[in-house]
Amino acid sequence: MKIKISNKKRFVLAIVLFIGTICPIKAQIPTLPVQFDWQTCMEQQMSLRLLDINDGFFAINTDFLHDGAYIYGYQQLLKYNLQGELEWKKDLGDGYGSFLIKDNNSRDYYLVPDRTGDKKVIMKFNQYDELVWTKNLTLDDNYTGNGVIAITATENGFATISDDTAKNFNLYQYNSDGELLNTHHIIDFNRGNPNIISTSDNGFLITTSIDFSNGPVILKMNANKEIEWSVPLKEINQTPVSGTYFLIEVEGGFLMSLISTKPCIAKINHQGVVDWTYSDDNVRLFRALETNNGNIVCFGEVNPSNFPIYILTLNASGKPLSQSFIDNNDGKFLYISGVVPVKDKDNTYVISAEYAGAGGDITTFCNSIENEFYNYHDDFWLAQITLKKGDDSDGIDEYNTLQATVYPNPAADYMLIECAEYENATFVVYDLVGRVLYRQLLNGEKSYINTSGFKNGMYVYQIQSNDKKNIGKMVITH
């Protein structure tokens, strides 16, 4: 069902919707259904950042425009309350790639409105959303670098990785008043996009490319900016790695998701030794959080052919505990831009993502620019979800809000589907890695499905009519 937006480009979902399993990645992992507490959408916007505050959430959106010569972005800072209602928005002007982080010692927050353009400034706002100060981050009048490439909050302010006029990567440390405290050289010449977090010992964990042949490394710096250890990322999963999607500090070390032909999650202890890795060729994981009980909840995508959002929970030893899926039947989720936990609620999270609406495709859009002015085709999606408990032993939760009967099951050459609400109903079959193998509109209260072309094995089917679904297992034995 296409999401309809009011003139104010917002709505709150009035009903609680439960979505079960769409396409389990590994059948031995139990699947938890997802409850939507609320969701909202803004058309033709791309989400960039998400930040939780005491009374709601901040998000940064970019509306991409085309003026006949090039595509550029126009950014806004949006404030949502705890119910997902848009309270206000601030225009940030032209730009792309903003940063938004919280101060570690107050309810203030720092905003870099445009990390790639000519502004190269950072702004500080207090808890009442009032501007406290604006500081210039450029090094000199002749500076031609890329501005802020990575940023993290520190014990007494913030730190950035920026390149100087000679394109060298440096670490710049500032106090909470935006005054530069010190500069530390990291590498010569700009090679790739680094990532940085401050650590509990007042040091830093950084990923960056040392050279093109060896690829990026992860290095640990202490409070004196001395390198304690470094580990080539390609040695972690024995494949070329171009960087990391996320870095977080967890109990006993650090967790990261590697950008690679074989994506994986790795846990490195405080001595730089890899404790464990977890990989699945069918998923990419962009964000992660550590829960109060020491588990890790990761958020990403599965199988680029249909792009459902994938949620994976691991224990502290890297063993998968559960998985969940969020499927948008009208479009494709393209990127998860942020995830924050909801305070005082277990297994509840707010997610921001970018998705292509029905018929929306970035490649198609970019190849079809003919008029003088075009808006970007993708949409911004924000939702609060709760992972519900499930105990299905084979990892496929059967989910039923649409009355339908599928038989025989197991089947050989055909199946029959009996469904009274067959009008506009679709029958879809997935394999166990989420690929769509078969799709058919039901043509009556009893519909015939030819299964002679399926290989022997287990599959997942979904019957959907409007906002009702029937999801279950089907087995083919010829």
Protein backbone atom coordinates (compact mmCIF):
# COMPACT_ATOMS: atom_id res chain seq x y z
CA MET A 1 0.00 0.00 0.00
CA LYS A 2 1.47 3.32 -1.04
CA ILE A 3 2.05 5.62 1.91
CA LYS A 4 -0.13 8.70 1.54
CA ILE A 5 1.26 11.92 2.97
CA SER A 6 -0.77 14.90 4.13
CA ASN A 7 -0.08 18.44 2.93
CA LYS A 8 2.23 18.80 5.90
CA LYS A 9 4.07 15.70 4.68
CA ARG A 10 3.52 13.75 7.85
CA PHE A 11 1.23 11.25 9.43
CA VAL A 12 1.14 8.89 12.37
CA LEU A 13 0.05 5.34 11.75
CA ALA A 14 -3.25 4.92 13.58
CA ILE A 15 -3.14 1.18 13.97
CA VAL A 16 -0.57 -1.21 15.41
CA LEU A 17 0.75 -3.41 12.64
CA PHE A 18 2.51 -6.71 13.13
CA ILE A 19 4.78 -7.94 10.37
CA GLY A 20 6.12 -11.48 10.56
CA THR A 21 8.81 -13.27 8.64
CA ILE A 22 9.20 -12.35 4.99
CA CYS A 23 12.47 -14.03 4.04
CA PRO A 24 14.64 -15.61 6.75
CA ILE A 25 18.35 -15.54 6.05
CA LYS A 26 19.34 -18.59 8.04
CA ALA A 27 16.52 -20.93 8.92
CA GLN A 28 18.08 -22.00 12.21
CA ILE A 29 17.84 -18.45 13.62
CA PRO A 30 14.50 -17.77 15.36
CA THR A 31 12.56 -14.92 13.76
CA LEU A 32 10.85 -12.25 15.84
CA PRO A 33 7.89 -10.41 14.32
CA VAL A 34 8.03 -6.61 14.26
CA GLN A 35 5.41 -4.34 15.81
CA PHE A 36 5.07 -0.83 14.41
CA ASP A 37 4.37 1.65 17.20
CA TRP A 38 4.27 4.52 14.71
CA GLN A 39 5.78 5.50 11.38
CA THR A 40 5.97 8.61 9.23
CA CYS A 41 7.30 9.54 5.82
CA MET A 42 8.45 12.58 3.84
CA GLU A 43 8.39 12.34 0.08
CA GLN A 44 11.42 13.09 -2.08
CA GLN A 45 13.79 13.46 0.84
CA MET A 46 16.94 11.55 1.75
CA SER A 47 17.71 10.90 5.42
CA LEU A 48 21.25 11.42 6.66
CA ARG A 49 21.42 11.41 10.46
CA LEU A 50 19.30 10.47 13.45
CA LEU A 51 19.87 11.63 17.03
CA ASP A 52 17.82 10.88 20.14
CA ILE A 53 17.16 13.57 22.73
CA ASN A 54 15.16 13.56 25.96
CA ASP A 55 11.86 14.60 24.42
CA GLY A 56 12.15 13.20 20.90
CA PHE A 57 14.46 12.83 17.93
CA PHE A 58 16.42 14.94 15.48
CA ALA A 59 16.84 13.96 11.85
CA ILE A 60 18.69 15.62 8.98
CA ASN A 61 17.12 15.36 5.54
CA THR A 62 18.44 16.34 2.14
CA ASP A 63 16.20 17.22 -0.79
CA PHE A 64 18.23 16.62 -3.95
CA LEU A 65 17.54 19.06 -6.76
CA HIS A 66 18.71 19.34 -10.35
CA ASP A 67 19.12 22.68 -12.06
CA GLY A 68 20.05 21.41 -15.52
CA ALA A 69 23.80 21.41 -14.84
CA TYR A 70 24.28 19.32 -11.67
CA ILE A 71 22.48 17.71 -8.76
CA TYR A 72 22.81 19.46 -5.41
CA GLY A 73 21.31 19.07 -1.96
CA TYR A 74 19.22 21.34 0.25
CA GLN A 75 19.25 20.28 3.91
CA GLN A 76 16.88 20.60 6.85
CA LEU A 77 17.09 19.76 10.55
CA LEU A 78 13.84 18.14 11.70
CA LYS A 79 12.57 17.74 15.27
CA TYR A 80 10.14 14.90 16.03
CA ASN A 81 8.47 14.23 19.38
CA LEU A 82 8.26 10.82 21.03
CA GLN A 83 5.09 10.01 19.07
CA GLY A 84 6.75 10.60 15.71
CA GLU A 85 5.05 13.94 15.06
CA LEU A 86 7.07 16.66 13.33
CA GLU A 87 7.36 19.66 15.70
CA TRP A 88 9.60 22.00 13.70
CA LYS A 89 12.30 22.18 11.06
CA LYS A 90 15.27 24.44 10.45
CA ASP A 91 16.61 25.19 6.97
CA LEU A 92 20.34 24.46 6.76
CA GLY A 93 20.76 25.64 3.17
CA ASP A 94 22.65 24.00 0.34
CA GLY A 95 24.92 21.12 1.20
CA TYR A 96 25.29 17.43 1.72
CA GLY A 97 26.65 15.04 4.33
CA SER A 98 25.85 16.76 7.62
CA PHE A 99 26.99 15.50 11.01
CA LEU A 100 24.94 15.64 14.21
CA ILE A 101 26.28 14.49 17.61
CA LYS A 102 25.42 14.98 21.27
CA ASP A 103 27.66 16.62 23.86
CA ASN A 104 28.76 14.03 26.42
CA ASN A 105 28.31 16.31 29.44
CA SER A 106 25.10 18.20 28.70
CA ARG A 107 21.94 18.17 26.63
CA ASP A 108 23.62 20.34 24.00
CA TYR A 109 24.39 19.06 20.52
CA TYR A 110 26.82 19.86 17.70
CA LEU A 111 25.85 20.23 14.06
CA VAL A 112 28.06 20.30 10.98
CA PRO A 113 25.58 21.56 8.36
CA ASP A 114 27.68 20.83 5.27
CA ARG A 115 30.84 18.77 5.52
CA THR A 116 31.67 18.90 1.80
CA GLY A 117 30.93 22.45 0.68
CA ASP A 118 32.52 25.83 1.23
CA LYS A 119 31.08 26.53 4.71
CA LYS A 120 33.11 24.02 6.78
CA VAL A 121 31.68 25.24 10.07
CA ILE A 122 30.35 23.57 13.20
CA MET A 123 27.44 24.91 15.24
CA LYS A 124 26.50 24.26 18.85
CA PHE A 125 22.89 24.34 20.08
CA ASN A 126 21.65 24.14 23.67
CA GLN A 127 18.83 21.97 24.99
CA TYR A 128 16.32 24.66 23.98
CA ASP A 129 17.52 24.47 20.35
CA GLU A 130 19.08 27.93 20.58
CA LEU A 131 22.31 28.57 18.71
CA VAL A 132 25.20 28.93 21.17
CA TRP A 133 28.07 29.50 18.73
CA THR A 134 29.32 28.90 15.18
CA LYS A 135 32.99 28.09 14.55
CA ASN A 136 34.96 27.99 11.31
CA LEU A 137 36.74 24.67 10.75
CA THR A 138 38.92 25.73 7.83
CA LEU A 139 42.64 25.94 8.37
CA ASP A 140 43.50 28.95 6.22
CA ASP A 141 42.13 31.16 3.46
CA ASN A 142 43.56 28.90 0.78
CA TYR A 143 42.10 25.70 2.21
CA THR A 144 40.64 23.43 -0.49
CA GLY A 145 40.12 20.21 1.47
CA ASN A 146 36.96 18.21 2.10
CA GLY A 147 36.12 19.68 5.50
CA VAL A 148 34.95 17.35 8.26
CA ILE A 149 35.24 13.72 7.15
CA ALA A 150 34.47 12.09 10.52
CA ILE A 151 33.47 13.40 13.95
CA THR A 152 33.01 12.06 17.47
CA ALA A 153 32.08 13.50 20.86
CA THR A 154 34.80 13.41 23.51
CA GLU A 155 34.89 13.81 27.28
CA ASN A 156 35.24 17.60 27.07
CA GLY A 157 34.11 18.48 23.56
CA PHE A 158 34.54 16.85 20.17
CA ALA A 159 37.17 15.67 17.69
CA THR A 160 37.19 15.59 13.89
CA ILE A 161 39.18 13.97 11.16
CA SER A 162 39.76 16.49 8.38
CA ASP A 163 42.18 16.84 5.52
CA ASP A 164 44.41 19.88 5.27
CA THR A 165 45.36 21.93 2.20
CA ALA A 166 47.85 19.23 1.18
CA LYS A 167 45.08 16.57 1.46
CA ASN A 168 46.68 14.94 4.53
CA PHE A 169 44.44 13.36 7.18
CA ASN A 170 44.71 14.96 10.62
CA LEU A 171 42.93 14.58 13.96
CA TYR A 172 41.67 17.89 15.39
CA GLN A 173 40.52 18.01 19.01
CA TYR A 174 38.25 20.83 20.30
CA ASN A 175 36.79 21.75 23.66
CA SER A 176 33.05 22.30 24.21
CA ASP A 177 33.47 25.99 23.28
CA GLY A 178 34.75 25.04 19.84
CA GLU A 179 38.35 26.08 20.59
CA LEU A 180 41.05 23.99 18.92
CA LEU A 181 43.11 22.17 21.55
CA ASN A 182 45.55 20.17 19.45
CA THR A 183 46.21 18.66 16.03
CA HIS A 184 47.69 15.25 15.33
CA HIS A 185 48.81 13.97 11.93
CA ILE A 186 47.39 10.56 10.98
CA ILE A 187 48.43 9.75 7.39
CA ASP A 188 49.84 11.45 4.32
CA PHE A 189 47.42 12.18 1.50
CA ASN A 190 43.70 11.48 1.38
CA ARG A 191 42.98 7.77 0.88
CA GLY A 192 39.36 6.81 1.43
CA ASN A 193 36.86 7.79 4.11
CA PRO A 194 37.90 7.19 7.72
CA ASN A 195 35.73 6.43 10.72
CA ILE A 196 36.35 7.46 14.34
CA ILE A 197 34.95 6.98 17.84
CA SER A 198 36.23 8.20 21.18
CA THR A 199 36.98 5.41 23.65
CA SER A 200 36.38 4.99 27.39
CA ASP A 201 40.08 5.61 28.16
CA ASN A 202 39.93 9.05 26.45
CA GLY A 203 41.62 7.70 23.35
CA PHE A 204 40.32 7.05 19.84
CA LEU A 205 39.57 4.12 17.57
CA ILE A 206 40.08 5.01 13.90
CA THR A 207 39.74 3.16 10.60
CA THR A 208 41.54 4.63 7.63
CA SER A 209 43.38 3.57 4.48
CA ILE A 210 47.17 3.59 4.82
CA ASP A 211 47.81 2.73 1.18
CA PHE A 212 45.93 1.40 -1.83
CA SER A 213 47.56 -2.06 -1.86
CA ASN A 214 46.97 -3.01 1.78
CA GLY A 215 43.64 -1.23 2.26
CA PRO A 216 42.36 0.26 5.51
CA VAL A 217 43.51 -0.56 9.01
CA ILE A 218 41.89 -0.10 12.38
CA LEU A 219 44.16 1.64 14.86
CA LYS A 220 43.86 2.44 18.54
CA MET A 221 45.25 5.74 19.88
CA ASN A 222 45.61 6.45 23.59
CA ALA A 223 44.89 9.75 25.31
CA ASN A 224 48.40 10.99 24.35
CA LYS A 225 47.67 10.31 20.65
CA GLU A 226 50.13 7.41 20.63
CA ILE A 227 49.22 4.41 18.48
CA GLU A 228 48.83 1.39 20.76
CA TRP A 229 48.07 -1.14 18.01
CA SER A 230 46.78 -1.44 14.45
CA VAL A 231 45.14 -4.32 12.57
CA PRO A 232 44.71 -4.55 8.76
CA LEU A 233 41.01 -5.03 8.16
CA LYS A 234 41.53 -7.47 5.28
CA GLU A 235 43.19 -9.90 7.71
CA ILE A 236 39.99 -10.15 9.73
CA ASN A 237 37.91 -11.90 7.05
CA GLN A 238 40.59 -12.67 4.44
CA THR A 239 38.95 -10.59 1.70
CA PRO A 240 39.57 -7.03 0.43
CA VAL A 241 37.94 -4.48 2.73
CA SER A 242 37.25 -0.85 1.81
CA GLY A 243 36.20 0.43 5.25
CA THR A 244 33.68 0.09 8.05
CA TYR A 245 29.95 0.83 8.24
CA PHE A 246 30.09 1.38 12.00
CA LEU A 247 32.39 1.32 15.02
CA ILE A 248 31.07 1.01 18.58
CA GLU A 249 32.69 0.25 21.91
CA VAL A 250 31.13 -2.68 23.72
CA GLU A 251 31.91 -4.66 26.86
CA GLY A 252 35.42 -6.04 26.48
CA GLY A 253 36.37 -4.29 23.25
CA PHE A 254 35.06 -2.89 19.98
CA LEU A 255 32.56 -3.99 17.35
CA MET A 256 32.65 -3.09 13.66
CA SER A 257 30.96 -4.00 10.38
CA LEU A 258 33.32 -4.41 7.44
CA ILE A 259 32.57 -3.12 3.92
CA SER A 260 33.70 -6.01 1.76
CA THR A 261 32.72 -8.51 -0.92
CA LYS A 262 32.11 -10.78 2.08
CA PRO A 263 30.51 -8.48 4.68
CA CYS A 264 31.10 -9.45 8.28
CA ILE A 265 30.89 -8.19 11.85
CA ALA A 266 34.04 -8.43 13.95
CA LYS A 267 34.70 -8.08 17.68
CA ILE A 268 38.20 -6.86 18.60
CA ASN A 269 39.30 -6.75 22.25
CA HIS A 270 41.14 -3.85 23.87
CA GLN A 271 44.50 -5.41 22.96
CA GLY A 272 43.72 -5.47 19.24
CA VAL A 273 43.05 -9.22 19.03
CA VAL A 274 40.03 -10.45 17.08
CA ASP A 275 37.70 -12.31 19.47
CA TRP A 276 35.14 -13.43 16.89
CA THR A 277 33.56 -12.67 13.53
CA TYR A 278 30.09 -13.29 12.13
CA SER A 279 29.30 -13.21 8.43
CA ASP A 280 26.40 -13.85 6.09
CA ASP A 281 26.90 -13.27 2.38
CA ASN A 282 23.28 -12.16 1.99
CA VAL A 283 23.26 -9.22 4.41
CA ARG A 284 25.00 -5.92 4.99
CA LEU A 285 24.75 -4.44 8.48
CA PHE A 286 24.97 -0.64 8.77
CA ARG A 287 24.20 0.12 12.43
CA ALA A 288 24.55 -1.66 15.80
CA LEU A 289 23.65 -1.08 19.45
CA GLU A 290 24.66 -2.85 22.64
CA THR A 291 21.72 -3.73 24.89
CA ASN A 292 21.63 -3.64 28.69
CA ASN A 293 22.16 -7.41 28.89
CA GLY A 294 25.26 -7.32 26.68
CA ASN A 295 23.63 -8.50 23.43
CA ILE A 296 24.28 -6.74 20.13
CA VAL A 297 21.39 -5.64 17.89
CA CYS A 298 22.45 -4.97 14.28
CA PHE A 299 20.42 -3.26 11.56
CA GLY A 300 21.02 -3.59 7.84
CA GLU A 301 19.63 -4.94 4.59
CA VAL A 302 19.22 -8.30 2.93
CA ASN A 303 19.50 -9.33 -0.71
CA PRO A 304 19.70 -6.19 -2.87
CA SER A 305 16.98 -7.51 -5.17
CA ASN A 306 14.22 -6.58 -2.72
CA PHE A 307 15.90 -4.67 0.12
CA PRO A 308 13.93 -5.57 3.24
CA ILE A 309 15.41 -4.15 6.43
CA TYR A 310 17.15 -6.90 8.38
CA ILE A 311 17.59 -6.91 12.17
CA LEU A 312 20.00 -9.41 13.74
CA THR A 313 20.59 -9.95 17.47
CA LEU A 314 23.87 -11.53 18.59
CA ASN A 315 25.03 -12.44 22.07
CA ALA A 316 28.32 -11.18 23.50
CA SER A 317 30.16 -14.12 21.88
CA GLY A 318 28.81 -13.45 18.39
CA LYS A 319 26.20 -16.22 18.37
CA PRO A 320 23.00 -15.24 16.52
CA LEU A 321 19.95 -15.21 18.79
CA SER A 322 17.16 -13.86 16.58
CA GLN A 323 16.38 -12.10 13.32
CA SER A 324 13.58 -9.83 12.11
CA PHE A 325 12.51 -8.24 8.83
CA ILE A 326 10.74 -5.06 7.78
CA ASP A 327 9.39 -5.24 4.26
CA ASN A 328 8.07 -2.31 2.21
CA ASN A 329 5.90 -3.79 -0.50
CA ASP A 330 5.66 -0.55 -2.49
CA GLY A 331 9.36 0.14 -2.79
CA LYS A 332 12.89 -0.70 -1.75
CA PHE A 333 14.75 0.39 1.35
CA LEU A 334 18.03 1.82 0.15
CA TYR A 335 19.95 2.80 3.26
CA ILE A 336 19.46 2.86 7.03
CA SER A 337 20.70 6.27 8.15
CA GLY A 338 20.19 5.93 11.89
CA VAL A 339 18.98 3.76 14.77
CA VAL A 340 18.44 4.82 18.39
CA PRO A 341 17.02 2.85 21.32
CA VAL A 342 13.86 4.09 23.03
CA LYS A 343 14.48 4.78 26.69
CA ASP A 344 12.78 2.56 29.29
CA LYS A 345 11.45 0.18 26.61
CA ASP A 346 13.04 -3.21 25.89
CA ASN A 347 13.56 -4.18 22.24
CA THR A 348 12.12 -0.87 21.02
CA TYR A 349 13.98 1.29 18.50
CA VAL A 350 13.49 4.29 16.24
CA ILE A 351 14.86 3.76 12.72
CA SER A 352 15.39 6.26 9.93
CA ALA A 353 15.87 5.01 6.38
CA GLU A 354 15.79 6.08 2.77
CA TYR A 355 13.65 4.15 0.34
CA ALA A 356 12.55 4.33 -3.28
CA GLY A 357 8.79 4.61 -3.58
CA ALA A 358 6.72 2.51 -5.98
CA GLY A 359 8.50 2.61 -9.30
CA GLY A 360 11.35 4.56 -7.75
CA ASP A 361 14.89 3.66 -8.69
CA ILE A 362 18.00 5.79 -8.31
CA THR A 363 19.61 4.57 -11.54
CA THR A 364 16.43 5.08 -13.55
CA PHE A 365 16.00 8.55 -12.08
CA CYS A 366 19.56 9.66 -12.72
CA ASN A 367 19.39 8.41 -16.30
CA SER A 368 16.10 10.16 -17.04
CA ILE A 369 16.94 13.77 -16.21
CA GLU A 370 15.66 15.69 -19.22
CA ASN A 371 13.83 18.70 -17.85
CA GLU A 372 15.48 21.75 -16.37
CA PHE A 373 14.57 20.97 -12.76
CA TYR A 374 14.05 17.64 -11.00
CA ASN A 375 13.49 16.56 -7.42
CA TYR A 376 15.24 13.50 -6.02
CA HIS A 377 12.97 10.47 -6.28
CA ASP A 378 13.51 8.77 -2.91
CA ASP A 379 11.64 9.20 0.35
CA PHE A 380 12.55 9.57 4.01
CA TRP A 381 11.00 7.03 6.39
CA LEU A 382 11.00 7.17 10.20
CA ALA A 383 9.43 4.56 12.46
CA GLN A 384 9.39 3.24 16.01
CA ILE A 385 9.39 -0.55 16.16
CA THR A 386 9.29 -3.19 18.87
CA LEU A 387 10.69 -6.70 18.39
CA LYS A 388 8.14 -9.18 19.70
CA LYS A 389 9.08 -12.50 21.29
CA GLY A 390 8.83 -15.58 19.10
CA ASP A 391 9.77 -19.23 19.55
CA ASP A 392 9.39 -20.92 16.17
CA SER A 393 12.10 -23.58 16.13
CA ASP A 394 12.93 -23.47 12.43
CA GLY A 395 13.12 -19.66 12.32
CA ILE A 396 10.04 -19.20 10.13
CA ASP A 397 7.22 -17.56 12.02
CA GLU A 398 3.85 -18.19 10.44
CA TYR A 399 1.86 -14.98 10.46
CA ASN A 400 -1.83 -14.72 9.74
CA THR A 401 -4.11 -11.69 9.45
CA LEU A 402 -5.56 -12.91 6.13
CA GLN A 403 -7.64 -16.09 6.14
CA ALA A 404 -6.29 -18.43 3.47
CA THR A 405 -5.63 -22.14 3.01
CA VAL A 406 -2.67 -23.48 1.02
CA TYR A 407 -2.68 -27.19 0.10
CA PRO A 408 -1.39 -29.77 -0.51
CA ASN A 409 1.67 -29.00 1.59
CA PRO A 410 4.09 -30.69 0.93
CA ALA A 411 3.31 -30.36 -2.77
CA ALA A 412 4.72 -31.73 -6.01
CA ASP A 413 3.41 -30.16 -9.22
CA TYR A 414 0.65 -27.86 -8.00
CA MET A 415 -0.88 -26.12 -4.99
CA LEU A 416 -4.34 -24.68 -4.43
CA ILE A 417 -5.00 -21.45 -2.54
CA GLU A 418 -8.42 -20.86 -1.06
CA CYS A 419 -8.93 -17.20 -0.09
CA ALA A 420 -12.27 -15.41 0.17
CA GLU A 421 -10.55 -12.00 -0.03
CA TYR A 422 -8.85 -12.83 -3.31
CA GLU A 423 -9.41 -9.47 -5.05
CA ASN A 424 -6.06 -7.64 -5.42
CA ALA A 425 -4.41 -10.47 -3.47
CA THR A 426 -0.88 -11.53 -4.47
CA PHE A 427 0.85 -14.87 -3.83
CA VAL A 428 4.66 -14.59 -3.56
CA VAL A 429 7.24 -17.34 -2.96
CA TYR A 430 10.69 -16.63 -1.49
CA ASP A 431 13.70 -18.88 -1.10
CA LEU A 432 15.50 -18.98 2.26
CA VAL A 433 17.84 -16.11 1.38
CA GLY A 434 15.00 -13.78 0.45
CA ARG A 435 14.96 -13.97 -3.34
CA VAL A 436 11.53 -13.67 -4.96
CA LEU A 437 11.04 -16.84 -7.01
CA TYR A 438 7.40 -16.60 -7.98
CA ARG A 439 4.61 -14.03 -7.96
CA GLN A 440 0.98 -14.40 -9.06
CA LEU A 441 -2.26 -12.51 -8.59
CA LEU A 442 -5.07 -14.68 -7.22
CA ASN A 443 -7.86 -15.02 -9.78
CA GLY A 444 -10.66 -16.40 -7.63
CA GLU A 445 -11.61 -17.84 -4.28
CA LYS A 446 -9.69 -20.96 -5.34
CA SER A 447 -6.48 -20.32 -7.32
CA TYR A 448 -4.20 -22.90 -8.96
CA ILE A 449 -0.41 -22.52 -8.53
CA ASN A 450 2.00 -24.46 -10.77
CA THR A 451 4.91 -25.68 -8.62
CA SER A 452 6.44 -28.13 -11.12
CA GLY A 453 9.36 -25.78 -11.73
CA PHE A 454 10.42 -25.58 -8.08
CA LYS A 455 13.30 -27.66 -6.77
CA ASN A 456 12.74 -29.89 -3.76
CA GLY A 457 13.07 -28.03 -0.48
CA MET A 458 11.49 -25.53 1.90
CA TYR A 459 10.24 -22.10 0.84
CA VAL A 460 8.40 -19.16 2.37
CA TYR A 461 5.12 -17.96 0.90
CA GLN A 462 3.26 -14.72 1.46
CA ILE A 463 -0.31 -13.92 0.47
CA GLN A 464 -1.20 -10.25 0.77
CA SER A 465 -4.49 -8.48 0.20
CA ASN A 466 -4.40 -4.74 0.98
CA ASP A 467 -3.02 -4.51 4.54
CA LYS A 468 -3.67 -8.19 5.45
CA LYS A 469 -1.06 -10.93 5.17
CA ASN A 470 -0.77 -14.68 5.44
CA ILE A 471 2.80 -15.97 5.73
CA GLY A 472 3.93 -19.56 6.12
CA LYS A 473 6.17 -22.43 5.06
CA MET A 474 5.74 -24.58 1.98
CA VAL A 475 7.64 -27.74 1.05
CA ILE A 476 8.15 -29.12 -2.46
CA THR A 477 8.83 -32.85 -2.95
CA HIS A 478 8.73 -34.16 -6.55
